[in-house]
Protein backbone atom coordinates (compact mmCIF):
# COMPACT_ATOMS: atom_id res chain seq x y z
CA MET A 1 0.00 0.00 0.00
CA VAL A 2 1.19 3.51 -0.84
CA LYS A 3 0.32 6.59 1.19
CA ARG A 4 0.01 9.86 -0.70
CA ILE A 5 -1.06 13.40 0.16
CA TYR A 6 -2.81 15.70 -2.31
CA LYS A 7 -3.52 19.42 -1.97
CA ILE A 8 -7.13 20.15 -2.95
CA ALA A 9 -8.36 23.44 -4.43
CA GLY A 10 -12.00 24.50 -4.28
CA MET A 11 -13.02 23.26 -0.81
CA HIS A 12 -15.06 25.99 0.85
CA CYS A 13 -16.91 24.18 3.65
CA GLY A 14 -17.05 21.01 5.69
CA SER A 15 -19.56 19.47 3.31
CA CYS A 16 -16.96 19.67 0.52
CA ALA A 17 -14.40 17.80 2.63
CA LEU A 18 -16.88 15.12 3.66
CA LYS A 19 -18.06 14.60 0.08
CA ILE A 20 -14.49 14.13 -1.19
CA GLU A 21 -13.57 11.75 1.63
CA LYS A 22 -16.70 9.63 1.16
CA THR A 23 -16.24 9.39 -2.62
CA ILE A 24 -12.55 8.43 -2.46
CA LYS A 25 -13.26 5.73 0.14
CA GLN A 26 -15.72 4.13 -2.27
CA LEU A 27 -13.06 3.64 -4.96
CA SER A 28 -11.54 0.19 -5.43
CA ASN A 29 -8.17 -0.68 -3.83
CA ILE A 30 -8.52 2.10 -1.22
CA LYS A 31 -7.47 1.08 2.28
CA SER A 32 -8.15 4.46 3.89
CA ALA A 33 -8.78 8.08 2.93
CA SER A 34 -9.14 11.23 5.00
CA VAL A 35 -9.54 14.91 4.20
CA ASP A 36 -8.03 17.58 6.44
CA PHE A 37 -10.30 20.57 5.86
CA THR A 38 -8.03 22.94 7.79
CA LYS A 39 -5.03 22.11 5.57
CA LYS A 40 -7.14 21.54 2.41
CA GLN A 41 -5.47 18.21 1.75
CA LEU A 42 -6.41 14.60 1.03
CA GLU A 43 -4.45 11.63 2.38
CA VAL A 44 -4.94 8.33 0.57
CA ASP A 45 -3.63 4.87 1.42
CA GLY A 46 -4.12 2.29 -1.32
CA GLU A 47 -3.08 0.83 -4.66
CA ILE A 48 -4.58 3.44 -6.96
CA SER A 49 -3.06 5.69 -9.60
CA ASP A 50 -2.67 9.44 -9.31
CA LYS A 51 -4.56 9.73 -12.59
CA GLU A 52 -7.65 8.03 -11.16
CA ILE A 53 -7.55 10.18 -8.01
CA LYS A 54 -7.25 13.38 -10.05
CA LYS A 55 -10.06 12.26 -12.38
CA THR A 56 -12.37 11.55 -9.44
CA ILE A 57 -11.59 14.87 -7.74
CA LYS A 58 -12.23 16.74 -11.01
CA LYS A 59 -15.62 15.02 -11.42
CA LEU A 60 -16.60 16.29 -7.99
CA GLY A 61 -15.81 19.86 -9.07
CA TYR A 62 -12.46 20.30 -7.31
CA LYS A 63 -8.82 20.31 -8.40
CA ILE A 64 -5.62 18.69 -7.19
CA LEU A 65 -2.82 21.23 -6.98
CA GLU A 66 0.58 20.35 -8.40
CA GLN A 67 3.68 20.73 -6.25
CA GLY A 68 4.37 24.44 -5.65
CA GLU A 69 1.04 25.49 -7.17
CA LYS A 70 -1.08 27.81 -5.03
CA GLU A 71 -4.85 27.83 -4.89
CA LYS A 72 -6.49 30.81 -6.56
CA ILE A 73 -9.38 32.08 -4.46
CA HIS A 74 -12.45 33.05 -6.48
CA ILE A 75 -16.18 33.37 -5.99
CA ASN A 76 -17.57 29.84 -5.97
CA ARG A 77 -20.53 28.48 -7.92
CA LYS A 78 -22.97 28.43 -4.99
CA LEU A 79 -22.40 32.10 -4.22
CA LYS A 80 -22.63 33.09 -7.90
CA ILE A 81 -25.97 31.30 -8.32
CA THR A 82 -27.44 32.46 -4.99
CA GLY A 83 -26.19 36.02 -5.45
CA GLY A 84 -27.50 36.15 -9.02
CA LEU A 85 -30.94 34.90 -8.02
CA PHE A 86 -31.06 37.34 -5.10
CA ILE A 87 -30.17 40.32 -7.33
CA LEU A 88 -32.78 39.18 -9.86
CA LEU A 89 -35.42 38.98 -7.12
CA LEU A 90 -34.45 42.40 -5.76
CA ILE A 91 -34.64 44.05 -9.21
CA SER A 92 -37.97 42.32 -9.91
CA SER A 93 -39.38 43.67 -6.65
CA PHE A 94 -38.74 47.22 -7.91
CA ILE A 95 -40.37 46.53 -11.30
CA PHE A 96 -43.55 44.56 -10.51
CA PRO A 97 -46.22 46.22 -8.33
CA PHE A 98 -47.44 42.91 -6.85
CA LEU A 99 -44.00 42.54 -5.22
CA ASP A 100 -44.19 45.88 -3.38
CA SER A 101 -44.46 44.18 0.04
CA LEU A 102 -41.44 42.02 -0.71
CA ASN A 103 -39.48 45.03 -1.95
CA GLU A 104 -40.16 46.90 1.27
CA ALA A 105 -38.98 43.91 3.32
CA LEU A 106 -35.84 43.34 1.23
CA VAL A 107 -34.77 46.99 1.27
CA SER A 108 -35.45 47.21 5.00
CA TYR A 109 -33.22 44.20 5.67
CA LEU A 110 -30.46 45.46 3.38
CA LYS A 111 -30.33 48.77 5.26
CA LEU A 112 -30.27 46.89 8.55
CA ILE A 113 -27.48 44.35 8.02
CA TRP A 114 -25.21 45.24 5.07
CA TRP A 115 -22.62 46.84 7.35
CA ALA A 116 -22.68 43.93 9.83
CA VAL A 117 -22.14 41.35 7.10
CA LEU A 118 -19.26 43.38 5.60
CA ILE A 119 -17.52 43.96 8.95
CA GLY A 120 -18.00 40.33 9.96
CA LEU A 121 -16.46 39.01 6.75
CA VAL A 122 -13.48 41.37 6.94
CA ILE A 123 -12.83 40.46 10.59
CA GLY A 124 -13.03 36.82 9.59
CA GLY A 125 -10.42 37.46 6.90
CA ILE A 126 -8.12 39.18 9.42
CA ILE A 127 -8.42 36.22 11.80
CA ASP A 128 -7.85 33.73 8.99
CA TYR A 129 -4.61 35.44 7.94
CA PHE A 130 -3.07 36.47 11.26
CA VAL A 131 -4.10 33.71 13.73
CA PRO A 132 -2.10 30.45 13.21
CA GLU A 133 -4.21 27.28 13.08
CA GLY A 134 -1.75 25.43 15.29
CA PHE A 135 -2.40 27.95 18.07
CA ILE A 136 -6.05 26.82 18.20
CA PHE A 137 -5.24 23.09 18.04
CA LYS A 138 -2.56 23.36 20.74
CA TYR A 139 -4.95 24.41 23.50
CA LEU A 140 -7.79 21.98 22.80
CA GLY A 141 -5.92 18.73 23.43
CA ARG A 142 -5.44 19.08 27.17
CA LYS A 143 -7.77 17.12 29.45
CA LYS A 144 -8.25 19.99 31.88
CA LYS A 145 -11.24 22.14 32.79
CA ARG A 146 -9.72 25.29 31.36
CA THR A 147 -9.56 23.53 27.98
CA LEU A 148 -13.32 24.08 27.70
CA PHE A 149 -12.86 27.83 28.08
CA PHE A 150 -10.19 27.70 25.36
CA ALA A 151 -12.72 25.83 23.20
CA VAL A 152 -15.24 28.67 23.51
CA LEU A 153 -12.53 31.21 22.72
CA ALA A 154 -11.57 29.15 19.67
CA GLY A 155 -15.15 29.57 18.50
CA PHE A 156 -14.47 33.27 18.20
CA LEU A 157 -11.10 32.86 16.50
CA LEU A 158 -12.07 30.25 13.91
CA SER A 159 -14.51 32.10 11.70
CA ALA A 160 -16.44 29.65 9.52
CA CYS A 161 -19.98 28.58 8.72
CA SER A 162 -21.58 25.84 10.82
CA HIS A 163 -20.82 23.24 8.12
CA GLY A 164 -17.20 24.34 8.09
CA ILE A 165 -17.11 24.14 11.89
CA LEU A 166 -18.31 20.50 11.68
CA ALA A 167 -15.30 19.51 9.59
CA ILE A 168 -12.90 21.53 11.76
CA SER A 169 -14.34 19.89 14.89
CA MET A 170 -13.80 16.40 13.52
CA GLN A 171 -10.27 17.37 12.52
CA LEU A 172 -9.62 18.64 16.05
CA TYR A 173 -10.75 15.26 17.38
CA LYS A 174 -8.55 13.34 14.93
CA LYS A 175 -5.55 15.44 16.01
CA GLY A 176 -6.08 14.69 19.68
CA ALA A 177 -8.54 17.23 21.10
CA SER A 178 -10.59 15.73 23.94
CA ILE A 179 -14.24 14.83 23.31
CA PRO A 180 -15.55 17.43 25.85
CA ALA A 181 -13.45 20.16 24.17
CA VAL A 182 -14.68 19.18 20.69
CA ILE A 183 -18.32 19.20 21.80
CA THR A 184 -17.90 22.58 23.53
CA PHE A 185 -16.21 24.03 20.44
CA LEU A 186 -18.94 22.60 18.20
CA LEU A 187 -21.75 24.13 20.26
CA ALA A 188 -20.18 27.55 20.77
CA SER A 189 -18.64 28.17 17.36
CA PRO A 190 -21.57 28.89 15.00
CA TRP A 191 -23.18 31.27 17.48
CA ALA A 192 -20.14 32.82 19.18
CA ASN A 193 -17.88 33.51 16.22
CA LEU A 194 -17.35 37.17 15.42
CA PRO A 195 -19.12 37.47 12.04
CA ILE A 196 -22.34 35.94 13.42
CA THR A 197 -22.06 37.92 16.66
CA ILE A 198 -21.93 41.16 14.65
CA LEU A 199 -24.84 39.98 12.50
CA LEU A 200 -26.92 39.19 15.60
CA PHE A 201 -26.17 42.63 17.09
CA SER A 202 -27.32 44.29 13.87
CA PHE A 203 -30.65 42.49 14.24
CA PHE A 204 -31.29 42.40 17.99
CA GLY A 205 -29.14 45.23 19.35
CA ILE A 206 -27.86 44.81 22.90
CA LYS A 207 -30.26 41.88 23.43
CA ALA A 208 -27.95 39.78 21.26
CA LEU A 209 -25.72 39.53 24.34
CA PHE A 210 -28.32 37.21 25.86
CA PHE A 211 -28.12 34.92 22.81
CA VAL A 212 -24.33 34.81 22.61
CA GLY A 213 -23.76 34.58 26.36
CA THR A 214 -26.36 31.85 26.87
CA ALA A 215 -25.05 29.85 23.89
CA MET A 216 -21.54 29.99 25.36
CA LEU A 217 -22.86 29.00 28.80
CA ILE A 218 -24.75 26.02 27.36
CA ALA A 219 -21.60 24.99 25.49
CA LEU A 220 -19.52 25.13 28.70
CA ILE A 221 -22.08 23.24 30.79
CA THR A 222 -22.34 20.58 28.10
CA GLY A 223 -18.53 20.28 28.00
CA PHE A 224 -18.37 19.76 31.77
CA ALA A 225 -21.21 17.22 31.51
CA TYR A 226 -19.21 15.31 28.88
CA MET A 227 -16.18 15.37 31.20
CA GLY A 228 -18.33 13.69 33.84
CA LEU A 229 -19.72 11.17 31.36
CA GLU A 230 -16.20 10.29 30.22
CA LYS A 231 -15.05 9.68 33.80
CA LEU A 232 -18.08 7.43 34.36
CA GLY A 233 -17.35 5.52 31.16
CA TRP A 234 -20.72 6.46 29.68
CA ILE A 235 -19.17 7.86 26.48
CA GLU A 236 -16.17 6.90 24.41
CA LYS A 237 -12.69 7.74 25.75
CA SER A 238 -10.78 10.67 24.27
CA ARG A 239 -7.75 9.90 22.13
CA GLU A 240 -4.15 10.45 23.15
CA VAL A 241 -3.00 14.01 22.42
CA LYS A 242 -0.93 14.39 19.25
CA ILE A 243 -1.40 18.07 18.53
CA GLN A 244 0.86 19.45 15.84
CA GLY A 245 0.90 22.56 13.74
CA ASN A 246 2.41 25.99 13.45
CA THR A 247 1.79 28.09 16.56
CA ARG A 248 4.06 30.98 15.57
CA TRP A 249 2.45 34.32 14.79
CA ASP A 250 4.69 34.87 11.75
CA ASN A 251 2.26 37.13 9.89
CA VAL A 252 2.12 39.43 12.92
CA ARG A 253 5.84 39.43 13.68
CA ASN A 254 6.87 39.88 10.04
CA PHE A 255 4.10 42.29 9.14
CA ASN A 256 4.04 43.35 5.50
CA LEU A 257 1.25 45.67 4.39
CA LYS A 258 0.96 44.38 0.82
CA LYS A 259 0.99 40.71 1.87
CA SER A 260 -1.42 41.42 4.71
CA ILE A 261 -3.97 43.10 2.44
CA SER A 262 -3.72 40.19 0.00
CA GLY A 263 -3.96 37.60 2.80
CA VAL A 264 -6.93 39.29 4.48
CA TRP A 265 -8.69 39.61 1.10
CA LYS A 266 -8.21 35.89 0.42
CA GLY A 267 -9.48 35.03 3.90
CA THR A 268 -12.49 37.33 3.48
CA LEU A 269 -13.33 35.83 0.08
CA SER A 270 -12.89 32.29 1.39
CA LEU A 271 -15.24 33.02 4.31
CA SER A 272 -17.70 34.69 1.91
CA ASN A 273 -17.79 31.51 -0.15
CA MET A 274 -18.69 29.56 2.98
CA VAL A 275 -21.27 31.82 4.61
CA LEU A 276 -22.57 34.57 2.30
CA TRP A 277 -24.78 32.36 0.15
CA TRP A 278 -26.44 31.02 3.31
CA ILE A 279 -26.95 34.57 4.59
CA LEU A 280 -28.68 35.48 1.31
CA ILE A 281 -30.94 32.41 1.58
CA GLY A 282 -31.89 33.24 5.16
CA PHE A 283 -32.30 36.90 4.23
CA THR A 284 -34.73 35.97 1.42
CA PHE A 285 -36.78 33.62 3.60
CA ALA A 286 -37.01 36.27 6.32
CA ALA A 287 -38.17 38.90 3.80
CA LEU A 288 -40.84 36.52 2.43
CA ILE A 289 -42.06 35.83 5.97
CA ARG A 290 -42.24 39.55 6.75
CA ALA A 291 -44.05 40.34 3.50
CA TYR A 292 -46.58 37.51 3.28
CA VAL A 293 -47.01 35.62 6.58
CA PRO A 294 -49.55 37.27 8.94
CA ALA A 295 -48.43 37.78 12.53
CA HIS A 296 -51.45 35.85 13.88
CA ILE A 297 -50.16 32.66 12.20
CA PHE A 298 -46.96 32.86 14.22
CA MET A 299 -48.83 33.73 17.41
CA SER A 300 -51.14 30.73 16.93
CA TYR A 301 -48.42 28.13 16.32
CA PHE A 302 -45.06 29.62 17.34
CA GLY A 303 -46.14 31.92 20.16
CA PRO A 304 -44.27 32.56 23.44
CA THR A 305 -45.64 29.42 25.11
CA PHE A 306 -43.91 26.14 25.91
CA GLY A 307 -45.83 24.49 23.09
CA GLY A 308 -44.75 27.29 20.76
CA LEU A 309 -41.12 26.73 21.75
CA LEU A 310 -41.42 23.00 20.98
CA LEU A 311 -42.95 23.73 17.57
CA THR A 312 -40.17 26.25 16.85
CA LEU A 313 -37.58 23.61 17.77
CA ALA A 314 -39.25 21.03 15.51
CA PHE A 315 -39.54 23.52 12.62
CA ALA A 316 -35.87 24.56 12.85
CA THR A 317 -34.74 20.92 13.05
CA ILE A 318 -36.67 19.95 9.92
CA ILE A 319 -35.54 22.81 7.66
CA GLU A 320 -31.89 22.57 8.86
CA VAL A 321 -30.80 26.07 7.77
CA CYS A 322 -27.13 26.92 8.22
CA SER A 323 -26.40 29.23 11.18
CA GLU A 324 -25.74 32.24 8.96
CA GLY A 325 -29.08 31.75 7.20
CA SER A 326 -31.05 31.23 10.40
CA ALA A 327 -30.07 34.58 11.95
CA PRO A 328 -32.34 36.67 9.64
CA ILE A 329 -35.21 34.17 10.04
CA ALA A 330 -34.81 34.26 13.83
CA PHE A 331 -35.10 38.05 13.75
CA GLU A 332 -38.32 37.80 11.74
CA ILE A 333 -39.70 35.30 14.28
CA PHE A 334 -38.89 37.90 16.93
CA ASN A 335 -40.74 40.57 14.92
CA LYS A 336 -43.82 38.37 14.57
CA VAL A 337 -43.92 36.86 18.08
CA GLY A 338 -42.38 39.69 20.11
CA ALA A 339 -40.46 37.34 22.42
CA LEU A 340 -36.76 36.43 22.59
CA GLY A 341 -37.17 32.78 23.55
CA ASN A 342 -38.52 31.55 20.22
CA PRO A 343 -35.74 33.02 18.05
CA PHE A 344 -33.18 31.67 20.53
CA VAL A 345 -34.61 28.15 20.14
CA PHE A 346 -34.57 28.57 16.36
CA LEU A 347 -30.90 29.60 16.43
CA MET A 348 -29.76 26.90 18.84
CA ALA A 349 -31.63 24.10 17.05
CA GLY A 350 -28.94 24.31 14.37
CA VAL A 351 -26.39 22.87 16.80
CA VAL A 352 -28.35 20.80 19.33
CA THR A 353 -30.70 18.84 17.03
CA ASP A 354 -28.91 19.02 13.67
CA TYR A 355 -28.99 15.47 12.26
CA THR A 356 -25.91 16.05 10.08
CA GLU A 357 -23.95 17.06 13.16
CA ILE A 358 -25.21 14.17 15.29
CA GLY A 359 -24.47 11.75 12.44
CA LEU A 360 -20.89 13.03 12.17
CA ILE A 361 -20.32 12.65 15.91
CA TRP A 362 -21.81 9.13 15.71
CA THR A 363 -19.48 8.00 12.91
CA ASN A 364 -16.30 9.88 13.92
CA ILE A 365 -16.38 9.91 17.72
CA GLY A 366 -18.96 7.34 18.77
CA ARG A 367 -22.67 6.62 19.14
CA LYS A 368 -22.71 7.30 22.89
CA ALA A 369 -21.28 10.80 22.45
CA ALA A 370 -23.82 11.47 19.68
CA ILE A 371 -26.84 10.24 21.66
CA TRP A 372 -25.97 12.31 24.72
CA LEU A 373 -25.75 15.61 22.76
CA PRO A 374 -29.51 16.32 22.38
CA ILE A 375 -30.28 14.71 25.77
CA ILE A 376 -28.05 17.26 27.53
CA THR A 377 -28.56 20.34 25.39
CA VAL A 378 -32.24 20.41 24.36
CA PRO A 379 -33.59 20.80 27.95
CA MET A 380 -31.12 23.65 28.59
CA VAL A 381 -32.11 25.43 25.37
CA LEU A 382 -35.84 25.14 26.13
CA LEU A 383 -35.31 26.27 29.75
CA ALA A 384 -33.27 29.31 28.67
CA ALA A 385 -35.88 30.19 26.02
CA TRP A 386 -38.73 29.86 28.52
CA LEU A 387 -36.87 32.19 30.93
CA PHE A 388 -36.28 34.66 28.06
CA ASN A 389 -40.02 34.73 27.31
CA LEU A 390 -40.86 35.05 30.99
CA PHE A 391 -38.50 37.84 32.03
CA LEU A 392 -37.23 39.68 28.93
């Protein structure tokens, strides 16, 4: 058997990495295959030609980089299609009178969040260029309580969409991060990272602090719960720590303005490819809800009652919108219902009941760790939401 490593161009989210890994594993004469999303590389062990690997990767819509070749960052297909359809819808809303209500909603949302999206993406690009990946991995492999606090902090520093966070979380686990740290990171990241925090503040103002703070608290409590479960032997044991990677802040120490602008731009564009198309989808759904769904419908089914919270949780679980897309919809739920608890449930459902996430934990970490996730988190989310509706 021959082990080879290939650099892959065109991966923009965790779903890309998982698709490549799954497809390569299905090829004949493959002993093992794994994709490191953080390094954008594929490792293959098996008797298979480079030509067949390259052909398979090309069919999937990606490219294997030759030695010394650098990936050129460009706007990906998903963002082009979503952005084009959104622009077409926006222009149509100005032309056709029967779309006046939709036009009002779209323009209102654009005025509200354009600056937050722009700032969030640029900050994400700055983090991507200046913060070394090894710095994050280094502090998540220690089996100590403070590791969980590092995991929440890492959620701020690793700016990615929730699908990207899934792949990064699994990579953290493969490299030796403890199960409690991985779970804490997974829960905190989509809601505590800077781009989404800024987006939430543009929607909810100072009240967004309740969302972000409570999400982080739930992540920490869940991490400590997993520490207890691991000690009791009720979940799988964490792997031995083998954390590697560059922890030097070279881009800060050797600051170069031209290289920094280029690096931040590439990071911003890469993050845009991951999250912006989801934001546009969520933005469009929220505008449609505002324009055409009467408030009494929401009050009847998704009102600030415990039953309404359960229906909100079920609705969010079924539609499985990425975290960036769910933020605008959550704000519209808040507009219709007038309570903070329901949008909080809608936001948190993306990480506590997401079947893609639970499935990944099941296959990569273990079934016990996967089963315990909703058992621990769902009651906390519903309790926090009920308290929001009661006192805020």
